[in-house]
Protein backbone atom coordinates (compact mmCIF):
# COMPACT_ATOMS: atom_id res chain seq x y z
CA MET A 1 -13.52 48.04 -17.64
CA CYS A 2 -15.36 44.81 -18.51
CA LEU A 3 -12.16 43.19 -19.71
CA LEU A 4 -10.17 44.37 -16.67
CA LEU A 5 -12.77 43.07 -14.21
CA GLY A 6 -12.99 39.79 -16.13
CA ALA A 7 -9.20 39.46 -16.03
CA GLY A 8 -9.31 40.12 -12.28
CA LEU A 9 -11.84 37.32 -11.81
CA ILE A 10 -9.72 34.94 -13.91
CA ALA A 11 -6.66 35.85 -11.84
CA LEU A 12 -8.62 35.25 -8.62
CA LEU A 13 -9.86 31.93 -9.96
CA THR A 14 -6.31 30.90 -10.86
CA VAL A 15 -5.05 31.76 -7.36
CA THR A 16 -7.97 29.87 -5.82
CA ALA A 17 -7.44 26.77 -7.95
CA THR A 18 -3.69 26.75 -7.31
CA GLY A 19 -4.19 27.16 -3.55
CA LEU A 20 -6.85 24.46 -3.34
CA SER A 21 -4.74 22.04 -5.36
CA GLY A 22 -1.84 22.62 -2.96
CA THR A 23 -4.12 22.21 0.05
CA TRP A 24 -5.58 18.91 -1.15
CA ASP A 25 -2.08 17.67 -2.00
CA ALA A 26 -0.85 18.58 1.49
CA ILE A 27 -3.80 16.89 3.18
CA GLN A 28 -3.64 13.72 1.09
CA HIS A 29 0.11 13.24 0.89
CA ARG A 30 1.48 14.94 4.00
CA ASP A 31 -0.81 16.06 6.82
CA ALA A 32 -3.15 13.06 7.12
CA PRO A 33 -0.53 10.34 6.38
CA ARG A 34 1.96 11.77 8.88
CA THR A 35 -0.65 11.97 11.61
CA ILE A 36 -1.84 8.43 10.86
CA ALA A 37 1.77 7.17 10.88
CA ALA A 38 2.26 8.75 14.31
CA THR A 39 -0.92 7.14 15.69
CA GLN A 40 0.15 3.77 14.25
CA LEU A 41 3.55 4.18 15.90
CA ASN A 42 1.88 4.88 19.23
CA LEU A 43 -0.32 1.80 18.84
CA ALA A 44 2.49 -0.50 17.69
CA LEU A 45 4.72 0.49 20.63
CA ASN A 46 1.96 -0.47 23.06
CA ASP A 47 1.28 -3.67 21.14
CA MET A 48 4.93 -4.71 21.05
CA ASP A 49 5.27 -4.22 24.80
CA ALA A 50 2.05 -6.12 25.46
CA GLN A 51 3.16 -9.03 23.27
CA THR A 52 6.53 -9.13 25.03
CA ALA A 53 4.73 -9.59 28.33
CA ASN A 54 2.47 -12.22 26.76
CA ILE A 55 5.48 -14.15 25.43
CA LEU A 56 7.05 -14.17 28.89
CA LEU A 57 3.74 -15.23 30.45
CA SER A 58 3.02 -18.03 27.99
CA SER A 59 6.56 -19.41 27.54
CA GLY A 60 6.40 -21.71 30.54
CA ASP A 61 9.45 -22.59 32.65
CA SER A 62 12.65 -20.91 31.54
CA GLY A 63 14.96 -23.27 29.73
CA THR A 64 12.53 -26.21 29.60
CA GLY A 65 9.38 -24.61 28.24
CA LYS A 66 7.34 -26.82 30.53
CA GLY A 67 3.82 -25.47 30.99
CA ARG A 68 3.97 -23.39 27.81
CA LEU A 69 0.66 -22.14 26.43
CA ASP A 70 1.44 -23.00 22.83
CA GLU A 71 -1.31 -21.08 21.06
CA SER A 72 -0.80 -17.95 23.15
CA TYR A 73 2.98 -18.15 22.76
CA THR A 74 2.80 -18.58 18.97
CA ASN A 75 0.31 -15.75 18.48
CA ALA A 76 2.18 -13.42 20.84
CA THR A 77 5.44 -14.05 18.96
CA ARG A 78 3.76 -13.36 15.62
CA LEU A 79 2.10 -10.18 16.83
CA TYR A 80 5.37 -9.05 18.44
CA GLN A 81 7.14 -9.31 15.09
CA GLU A 82 4.33 -7.51 13.27
CA ALA A 83 4.40 -4.66 15.79
CA GLN A 84 8.18 -4.41 15.49
CA GLU A 85 7.91 -4.10 11.70
CA ALA A 86 5.11 -1.53 12.00
CA ILE A 87 7.24 0.61 14.32
CA SER A 88 10.20 0.53 11.94
CA GLY A 89 7.96 1.48 9.01
CA SER A 90 6.32 4.34 10.91
CA LEU A 91 9.68 5.72 12.00
CA ARG A 92 10.89 5.70 8.38
CA THR A 93 7.73 7.48 7.22
CA LEU A 94 7.90 10.09 9.97
CA GLY A 95 11.63 10.60 9.48
CA ALA A 96 11.21 11.27 5.75
CA ALA A 97 8.22 13.55 6.33
CA ALA A 98 9.97 15.57 9.06
CA GLU A 99 12.77 16.83 6.81
CA GLY A 100 13.07 20.59 7.29
CA ASP A 101 11.10 20.61 10.56
CA ARG A 102 13.78 20.71 13.23
CA GLY A 103 11.46 20.07 16.16
CA THR A 104 9.85 17.01 14.60
CA GLU A 105 13.19 15.77 13.26
CA SER A 106 14.76 15.86 16.72
CA THR A 107 11.77 14.00 18.20
CA VAL A 108 11.98 11.28 15.53
CA VAL A 109 15.75 10.94 16.04
CA ALA A 110 15.35 10.69 19.83
CA LEU A 111 12.53 8.19 19.45
CA THR A 112 14.59 6.07 17.05
CA ASP A 113 17.52 6.01 19.48
CA ASP A 114 15.28 5.16 22.42
CA PHE A 115 13.55 2.44 20.43
CA ALA A 116 16.92 0.85 19.69
CA ARG A 117 17.63 0.81 23.43
CA TYR A 118 14.14 -0.57 24.10
CA GLN A 119 14.65 -3.41 21.61
CA GLU A 120 17.95 -4.25 23.28
CA LEU A 121 16.27 -4.56 26.68
CA VAL A 122 13.36 -6.59 25.30
CA GLY A 123 15.71 -8.83 23.34
CA ARG A 124 17.72 -9.46 26.48
CA ALA A 125 14.53 -10.28 28.42
CA LEU A 126 13.42 -12.80 25.81
CA GLU A 127 16.90 -14.32 25.64
CA ASN A 128 17.12 -14.68 29.43
CA ASP A 129 13.72 -16.33 29.43
CA GLU A 130 15.11 -19.13 27.26
CA HIS A 131 17.81 -20.01 29.80
CA PRO A 132 17.28 -22.11 32.94
CA GLY A 133 16.43 -19.88 35.88
CA GLY A 134 16.12 -16.86 33.60
CA LYS A 135 12.57 -15.83 34.41
CA ASP A 136 13.53 -13.34 37.13
CA PRO A 137 16.30 -11.67 35.05
CA ALA A 138 13.83 -11.57 32.17
CA ARG A 139 11.30 -9.77 34.35
CA ALA A 140 13.96 -7.28 35.44
CA ASP A 141 14.93 -6.49 31.84
CA TYR A 142 11.32 -6.24 30.80
CA ARG A 143 10.64 -3.89 33.71
CA ARG A 144 13.40 -1.57 32.51
CA ALA A 145 12.07 -1.77 28.94
CA THR A 146 8.56 -0.87 30.11
CA ASP A 147 9.90 2.06 32.13
CA LEU A 148 11.68 3.31 29.01
CA LEU A 149 8.49 2.87 27.01
CA ALA A 150 6.33 4.77 29.51
CA GLY A 151 8.92 7.42 30.32
CA ARG A 152 10.20 8.29 26.86
CA LEU A 153 8.86 6.35 23.88
CA LEU A 154 5.12 6.82 24.42
CA PRO A 155 5.37 10.55 25.33
CA GLN A 156 7.47 11.11 22.22
CA ALA A 157 5.01 9.17 20.05
CA ARG A 158 2.07 11.16 21.46
CA GLN A 159 4.04 14.35 20.83
CA LEU A 160 4.40 13.35 17.18
CA VAL A 161 0.66 12.70 16.94
CA ASP A 162 -0.15 16.11 18.42
CA ALA A 163 2.48 17.94 16.35
CA ASN A 164 1.38 16.45 13.03
CA ASP A 165 -2.28 16.90 13.86
CA ALA A 166 -1.56 20.56 14.70
CA VAL A 167 0.08 21.03 11.29
CA TYR A 168 -3.05 19.68 9.64
CA GLU A 169 -5.19 22.04 11.73
CA ARG A 170 -3.09 25.06 10.72
CA GLU A 171 -3.35 24.03 7.06
CA TYR A 172 -7.11 23.76 7.45
CA ASP A 173 -7.47 27.13 9.18
CA ALA A 174 -5.35 28.88 6.56
CA ALA A 175 -7.28 27.29 3.69
CA ARG A 176 -10.66 28.19 5.18
CA SER A 177 -9.52 31.77 5.78
CA ASP A 178 -8.30 32.04 2.18
CA LEU A 179 -11.57 30.66 0.83
CA THR A 180 -13.60 33.18 2.84
CA ALA A 181 -11.50 36.07 1.51
CA GLN A 182 -11.66 34.73 -2.03
CA LEU A 183 -15.44 34.30 -1.87
CA THR A 184 -15.79 37.94 -0.79
CA ALA A 185 -13.45 39.10 -3.54
CA GLU A 186 -15.34 37.07 -6.14
CA ALA A 187 -18.66 38.55 -5.03
CA VAL A 188 -17.32 42.12 -5.22
CA LEU A 189 -15.66 41.68 -8.61
CA GLY A 190 -18.65 39.77 -9.98
CA VAL A 191 -21.17 42.42 -8.91
CA LEU A 192 -18.96 45.15 -10.36
CA LEU A 193 -18.61 43.28 -13.65
CA LEU A 194 -22.35 42.72 -13.95
CA ALA A 195 -22.98 46.38 -13.06
CA VAL A 196 -20.56 47.53 -15.73
CA LEU A 197 -22.22 45.25 -18.30
CA VAL A 198 -25.62 46.75 -17.41
CA ALA A 199 -24.18 50.27 -17.62
CA LEU A 200 -22.68 49.41 -21.00
CA GLN A 201 -26.06 48.23 -22.25
CA VAL A 202 -27.65 51.50 -21.09
CA HIS A 203 -24.86 53.53 -22.70
CA LEU A 204 -25.25 51.73 -26.03
CA ALA A 205 -29.03 52.24 -25.96
CA ARG A 206 -28.68 55.97 -25.38
CA ARG A 207 -25.61 56.69 -27.47
CA PHE A 208 -26.36 54.53 -30.49
CA GLY A 209 -30.09 54.30 -30.39
CA ARG A 210 -30.13 50.57 -29.79
CA THR A 211 -32.35 48.65 -27.38
CA LEU A 212 -30.37 45.60 -26.25
CA ASN A 213 -27.09 44.14 -27.44
CA PRO A 214 -27.57 40.35 -27.67
CA TRP A 215 -23.82 39.72 -27.42
CA LEU A 216 -23.63 41.63 -24.16
CA LEU A 217 -26.64 39.72 -22.88
CA ALA A 218 -24.83 36.49 -23.72
CA ALA A 219 -21.68 37.83 -22.03
CA SER A 220 -23.72 38.65 -18.91
CA SER A 221 -25.09 35.11 -18.92
CA CYS A 222 -21.55 33.73 -19.15
CA VAL A 223 -20.48 35.90 -16.23
CA LEU A 224 -23.41 34.59 -14.18
CA VAL A 225 -22.40 31.01 -14.99
CA ALA A 226 -18.78 31.78 -14.03
CA LEU A 227 -19.85 33.38 -10.75
CA LEU A 228 -22.15 30.49 -9.87
CA CYS A 229 -19.49 27.87 -10.63
CA GLY A 230 -16.80 29.87 -8.85
CA GLY A 231 -19.00 30.43 -5.81
CA GLN A 232 -19.96 26.76 -5.74
CA LEU A 233 -16.29 25.83 -5.96
CA LEU A 234 -15.40 28.08 -3.03
CA THR A 235 -18.31 27.15 -0.75
CA GLY A 236 -18.18 23.47 -1.74
CA SER A 237 -14.44 23.32 -1.08
CA ALA A 238 -14.96 24.89 2.35
CA ASP A 239 -17.58 22.22 3.13
CA GLN A 240 -15.34 19.40 1.89
CA LEU A 241 -12.44 20.75 3.94
CA LYS A 242 -14.63 20.73 7.05
CA ILE A 243 -15.71 17.15 6.37
CA ALA A 244 -12.13 16.07 5.71
CA ARG A 245 -10.77 17.77 8.81
CA HIS A 246 -13.29 18.02 11.64
CA ASP A 247 -16.21 15.76 10.72
CA SER A 248 -14.07 12.75 9.86
CA PHE A 249 -10.40 13.16 10.76
CA ASP A 250 -11.01 14.41 14.30
CA SER A 251 -12.82 11.13 14.90
CA VAL A 252 -10.04 9.14 13.22
CA VAL A 253 -7.48 10.69 15.58
CA ALA A 254 -9.67 10.22 18.68
CA LEU A 255 -10.39 6.61 17.77
CA SER A 256 -6.75 5.90 16.95
CA ARG A 257 -5.74 7.33 20.31
CA SER A 258 -8.36 5.21 22.03
CA LYS A 259 -7.06 2.10 20.29
CA ALA A 260 -3.50 2.81 21.42
CA ILE A 261 -4.75 3.46 24.97
CA GLY A 262 -6.73 0.22 24.83
CA TYR A 263 -3.65 -1.77 23.83
CA ASP A 264 -1.72 -0.14 26.66
CA ALA A 265 -4.47 -0.97 29.15
CA ASN A 266 -4.52 -4.56 27.91
CA ALA A 267 -0.74 -4.65 28.35
CA ASP A 268 -1.19 -3.46 31.95
CA GLU A 269 -3.13 -6.64 32.66
CA SER A 270 -0.28 -8.77 31.30
CA ARG A 271 2.25 -6.71 33.25
CA TYR A 272 0.09 -7.14 36.35
CA LEU A 273 0.34 -10.90 35.96
CA LEU A 274 4.03 -10.93 35.08
CA ASP A 275 5.44 -8.59 37.72
CA ALA A 276 3.83 -9.06 41.14
CA THR A 277 6.06 -6.38 42.69
CA ARG A 278 4.33 -3.67 40.65
CA ARG A 279 0.74 -4.81 40.74
CA THR A 280 -0.50 -1.72 42.57
CA ALA A 281 1.11 0.56 39.98
CA TYR A 282 -0.22 -1.44 37.04
CA GLU A 283 -3.71 -1.55 38.52
CA SER A 284 -3.64 2.23 38.94
CA SER A 285 -2.33 2.60 35.40
CA PHE A 286 -5.18 0.46 34.05
CA LEU A 287 -7.75 2.64 35.81
CA ASP A 288 -6.07 5.79 34.47
CA LYS A 289 -6.30 4.49 30.90
CA SER A 290 -9.93 3.50 31.45
CA GLN A 291 -10.60 7.08 32.51
CA GLN A 292 -8.87 8.38 29.39
CA LEU A 293 -11.17 6.24 27.28
CA TYR A 294 -14.41 6.69 29.20
CA GLY A 295 -13.95 9.16 32.04
CA LEU A 296 -16.13 8.85 35.13
CA LYS A 297 -15.90 11.28 38.02
CA ASP A 298 -14.46 9.81 41.25
CA ALA A 299 -14.63 6.25 39.89
CA THR A 300 -12.43 3.48 41.26
CA LEU A 301 -12.03 -0.02 39.87
CA ALA A 302 -14.60 -1.15 42.42
CA THR A 303 -17.19 1.42 41.27
CA TYR A 304 -16.22 1.89 37.63
CA ASP A 305 -18.46 -0.85 36.16
CA GLU A 306 -21.57 0.39 37.94
CA LYS A 307 -20.99 4.00 36.92
CA LEU A 308 -20.11 2.94 33.39
CA ALA A 309 -23.37 1.02 33.00
CA ALA A 310 -25.45 3.86 34.48
CA THR A 311 -23.91 6.67 32.42
CA TRP A 312 -23.95 4.67 29.21
CA ALA A 313 -27.63 3.80 29.69
CA ALA A 314 -28.33 7.50 30.34
CA TYR A 315 -26.52 8.47 27.14
CA GLN A 316 -28.45 5.93 25.07
CA ARG A 317 -31.70 7.43 26.38
CA ASP A 318 -30.53 10.99 25.73
CA HIS A 319 -27.59 11.65 23.42
CA THR A 320 -27.08 15.09 24.95
CA ASP A 321 -26.35 13.54 28.36
CA GLU A 322 -22.76 14.38 29.32
CA GLN A 323 -21.97 12.32 32.41
CA PHE A 324 -18.77 10.86 30.94
CA THR A 325 -15.68 12.27 29.25
CA GLY A 326 -12.64 10.92 27.38
CA GLU A 327 -11.92 9.76 23.85
CA TYR A 328 -15.31 8.10 23.47
CA ARG A 329 -17.01 11.33 24.48
CA ARG A 330 -15.11 13.06 21.66
CA GLU A 331 -16.34 10.47 19.21
CA VAL A 332 -20.02 10.40 20.20
CA ASP A 333 -20.06 14.22 20.17
CA ASN A 334 -18.82 14.14 16.58
CA ILE A 335 -21.29 11.69 15.04
CA THR A 336 -21.76 12.81 11.44
CA PHE A 337 -22.10 9.96 8.98
CA PRO A 338 -24.63 7.19 8.29
CA GLY A 339 -23.95 4.13 10.40
CA GLU A 340 -21.42 5.93 12.59
CA ARG A 341 -23.58 6.14 15.70
CA GLU A 342 -24.43 2.43 15.59
CA ALA A 343 -20.77 1.53 15.12
CA ALA A 344 -19.67 3.86 17.92
CA GLU A 345 -22.26 2.47 20.32
CA LYS A 346 -21.25 -1.08 19.40
CA THR A 347 -17.67 -0.15 20.28
CA VAL A 348 -18.62 1.13 23.72
CA ASP A 349 -20.80 -1.94 24.29
CA ALA A 350 -17.75 -4.13 23.56
CA TYR A 351 -15.68 -1.94 25.88
CA VAL A 352 -18.20 -2.53 28.68
CA VAL A 353 -17.74 -6.31 28.29
CA TYR A 354 -13.96 -5.97 28.37
CA GLU A 355 -14.07 -3.86 31.55
CA LYS A 356 -16.21 -6.52 33.26
CA ASP A 357 -13.66 -9.13 32.19
CA ASP A 358 -10.93 -7.14 33.89
CA ARG A 359 -12.70 -7.40 37.24
CA ALA A 360 -13.16 -11.14 36.75
CA PHE A 361 -9.47 -11.42 35.87
CA ARG A 362 -8.41 -9.60 39.06
CA GLN A 363 -10.74 -11.73 41.15
CA LEU A 364 -9.07 -14.89 39.84
CA ILE A 365 -5.70 -13.53 40.95
CA ALA A 366 -7.09 -12.53 44.34
CA ASP A 367 -8.36 -16.10 44.69
CA GLY A 368 -4.87 -17.44 43.96
CA LYS A 369 -5.87 -18.89 40.58
CA LEU A 370 -2.89 -17.55 38.63
CA GLN A 371 -2.98 -20.16 35.88
CA GLU A 372 -6.68 -19.59 35.25
CA ALA A 373 -6.11 -15.83 35.29
CA THR A 374 -3.28 -16.19 32.76
CA VAL A 375 -5.36 -18.29 30.39
CA PHE A 376 -8.31 -15.91 30.77
CA CYS A 377 -6.06 -12.90 30.11
CA ILE A 378 -3.98 -14.07 27.13
CA GLY A 379 -5.82 -17.17 25.88
CA TRP A 380 -7.54 -17.30 22.51
CA ALA A 381 -10.74 -19.18 23.34
CA SER A 382 -13.97 -17.33 22.59
CA ASP A 383 -14.86 -16.87 26.27
CA THR A 384 -11.57 -15.24 27.32
CA SER A 385 -10.81 -11.60 28.04
CA ASN A 386 -8.37 -11.66 25.14
CA ALA A 387 -11.13 -12.69 22.72
CA HIS A 388 -13.43 -9.97 24.03
CA PHE A 389 -10.58 -7.48 23.65
CA GLY A 390 -10.31 -8.55 20.02
CA GLN A 391 -14.04 -7.94 19.53
CA TRP A 392 -13.67 -4.50 21.09
CA MET A 393 -10.80 -3.63 18.74
CA LYS A 394 -12.74 -4.98 15.74
CA ALA A 395 -15.71 -2.75 16.60
CA LEU A 396 -13.33 0.18 17.04
CA ASP A 397 -11.80 -0.50 13.62
CA GLN A 398 -15.26 -0.46 12.03
CA VAL A 399 -16.17 3.00 13.29
CA THR A 400 -12.70 4.24 12.38
CA ALA A 401 -13.13 2.83 8.86
CA ILE A 402 -16.37 4.80 8.42
CA ASN A 403 -14.61 8.06 9.22
CA SER A 404 -11.52 7.19 7.17
CA ALA A 405 -13.69 6.45 4.14
CA GLN A 406 -15.51 9.77 4.54
CA HIS A 407 -12.18 11.58 4.81
CA GLU A 408 -11.02 10.02 1.55
CA GLN A 409 -14.33 10.82 -0.13
CA ALA A 410 -14.11 14.46 0.98
CA VAL A 411 -10.61 14.79 -0.48
CA ALA A 412 -11.73 13.13 -3.72
CA GLY A 413 -14.84 15.34 -3.85
CA GLY A 414 -12.75 18.46 -3.37
CA ARG A 415 -10.42 17.46 -6.16
CA ASP A 416 -13.33 16.61 -8.48
CA ALA A 417 -14.96 19.99 -7.89
CA LEU A 418 -11.68 21.72 -8.60
CA SER A 419 -11.17 19.82 -11.84
CA VAL A 420 -14.70 20.55 -13.10
CA GLN A 421 -15.90 23.88 -11.74
CA ALA A 422 -12.69 25.87 -12.10
CA PRO A 423 -12.34 25.15 -15.86
CA ILE A 424 -16.03 25.90 -16.47
CA SER A 425 -15.78 29.19 -14.61
CA GLY A 426 -12.56 30.20 -16.38
CA THR A 427 -13.92 29.24 -19.81
CA ALA A 428 -17.14 31.19 -19.18
CA LEU A 429 -15.15 34.32 -18.28
CA LEU A 430 -12.97 34.05 -21.37
CA LEU A 431 -16.07 33.57 -23.50
CA ALA A 432 -17.70 36.59 -21.86
CA GLY A 433 -14.68 38.71 -22.75
CA GLY A 434 -14.82 37.55 -26.36
CA LEU A 435 -18.56 38.27 -26.55
CA VAL A 436 -18.06 41.78 -25.19
CA VAL A 437 -15.44 42.54 -27.85
CA PHE A 438 -17.54 40.94 -30.58
CA GLY A 439 -20.68 42.78 -29.49
CA LEU A 440 -18.97 46.19 -29.40
CA ARG A 441 -17.11 45.83 -32.68
CA PRO A 442 -20.04 47.01 -34.89
CA ARG A 443 -20.55 50.06 -32.69
CA LEU A 444 -16.86 50.95 -32.71
CA ALA A 445 -16.84 50.52 -36.49
CA GLU A 446 -19.34 53.37 -36.77
CA PHE A 447 -16.58 55.80 -35.70
CA ARG A 448 -14.46 55.06 -38.79
């Protein structure tokens, strides 16, 4: 009975170790990278469209280049190319990872086809802009490209983010459920094994006139060590899984979404400048994205700044205050790690500055100061909206980096526990079995 129960515990430990190894492999090499690739795709699409608008805004007169904003044009061209390369890389990653998943495969294929069409329209817009009198045709092509982006590319990219994140969540739920069942099974088998060892000690004392068998005592100690290490492995792995999934990665996804939304909102300002016929739509779109980031009930652009300042001040006084919603609400409700709250609050502070810049930008346009508005929107001086946008994104990257580092540490910690505690537990059980046999051998020899 001792040997059978010990073998059962070793079998359970083997199943646990194999399952955990597969789970950590899936998280590290599939679930997290695919979700991150999808969020990067979403961001790069918004960035590429924004930089296209910035190129058209800063290029000056079509054909002559007169009035070109050289620094803005050069940086927009560089960032456009970087975004284009990032999109191609993300599509390759997602395409390779989606093999065998028909739904995801079809989404990646559709997105790839639509992106090819989008590049054609953008390329035509940029080419028209280089010809005399080509600014209006360029705007028309860019308008069609933006419609394709908003109507198909971005929804497909967000679908990929949600689909891959859902896969990760299912993997997490299954692993946690398995660990709970395995912890229960370990406790039952462990208690039974210890009970049988105690019963064996009692039997030997009565049947053979002995007091205590030191080998069985040592075996019992080994079983206790195995149970403690096995239990620590199971509970510790559950904790590391929670850190890797909900404490850190939920924030990574929320912050990545907010960065993509921020780039799209910033692009709406450039579109607002570039295409006067759609200014009402782009203004509404900017407000909608602001609400996705930091939602305020019944806020308009005219009232948003005041409500933003009031609700943010209320939150800083009382972190349980819930007067705003959106991606930043998700982040501040999931503060877990040292330095995360300060970094998150710094991000929202930078966001407040950027929102104020937007109102100043729109006032310049209302005053007929289009050139000043353009420079303020896409210039690179330290006092421009573009510079403040960069500071906002930098702050956002810092809080994202904190959560990403914790996610990696949780995965590494889970792997380390598996590589140390599982062998110790297995070795202790094997040693316990050997001690039981060795301790009973003299008693069995008395029957010869």
